[in-house]
Amino acid sequence: MKRAIFLDRDNTLIHDPGYIHEPSKVKLLEGVGEGLKLLKEKGFLLIVVSNQSGIGRGYYRESDFHRVNDKLQELLKDYNVQIDDFFFCPHKPEDNCPCRKPKPELAFTASKKWNIDLKSSYMIGDKDSDVEFGLLAGMKGCFKVGNEIFPSFLECAKFIVEVLEK
């Protein structure tokens, strides 16, 4: 079985001013390219799991979400790394669907598709719901970035490979 790093996208990998849907506005956050490359070099799959309620609210289309992902992949080429797959929930919170984080359905779906061992995988996000998602999916570790413990994505990636995976 494979190991993966599950990643929130907005405000974890890219800056999100709110319902980001325009590829021209996609900007990597500090340390993301370097951190993803480090994790990939250690053999992890890189899997994005993202709530995209802007689709369900009618703010933008699913195709806009994919175009933002394409721009993210384009920016990551400079670091010789790519996201392996993207999974998302297009529903509004009040829809109470099974695929909206923190519910772990997206992790289970990715695990089946990629043969991922969730117990040896990690979650990195910017919200408590991301951490809860990883815990509910039974992941080895779950981390929030953009705080005093892990101010940048790269610091979190280094912690995983240099401390937890030693």
Foldseek 3Di string as FASTA:
>chain_A
DAAAEEEEPDPAFWDDPDLDQALVRTDGDPPNLVLQLLLVVVRHAAEYEYERCCCVVVVDHPVSVVSNLVSSQVVSVVSVDHHPYYHYHNHDPVVVDCRDFPRQPSVVVVCVVPVHDQQDYEYEEADPRRQSSSVNSNHVYYYHECDPVHVHSNVVSCCCVVPVVD
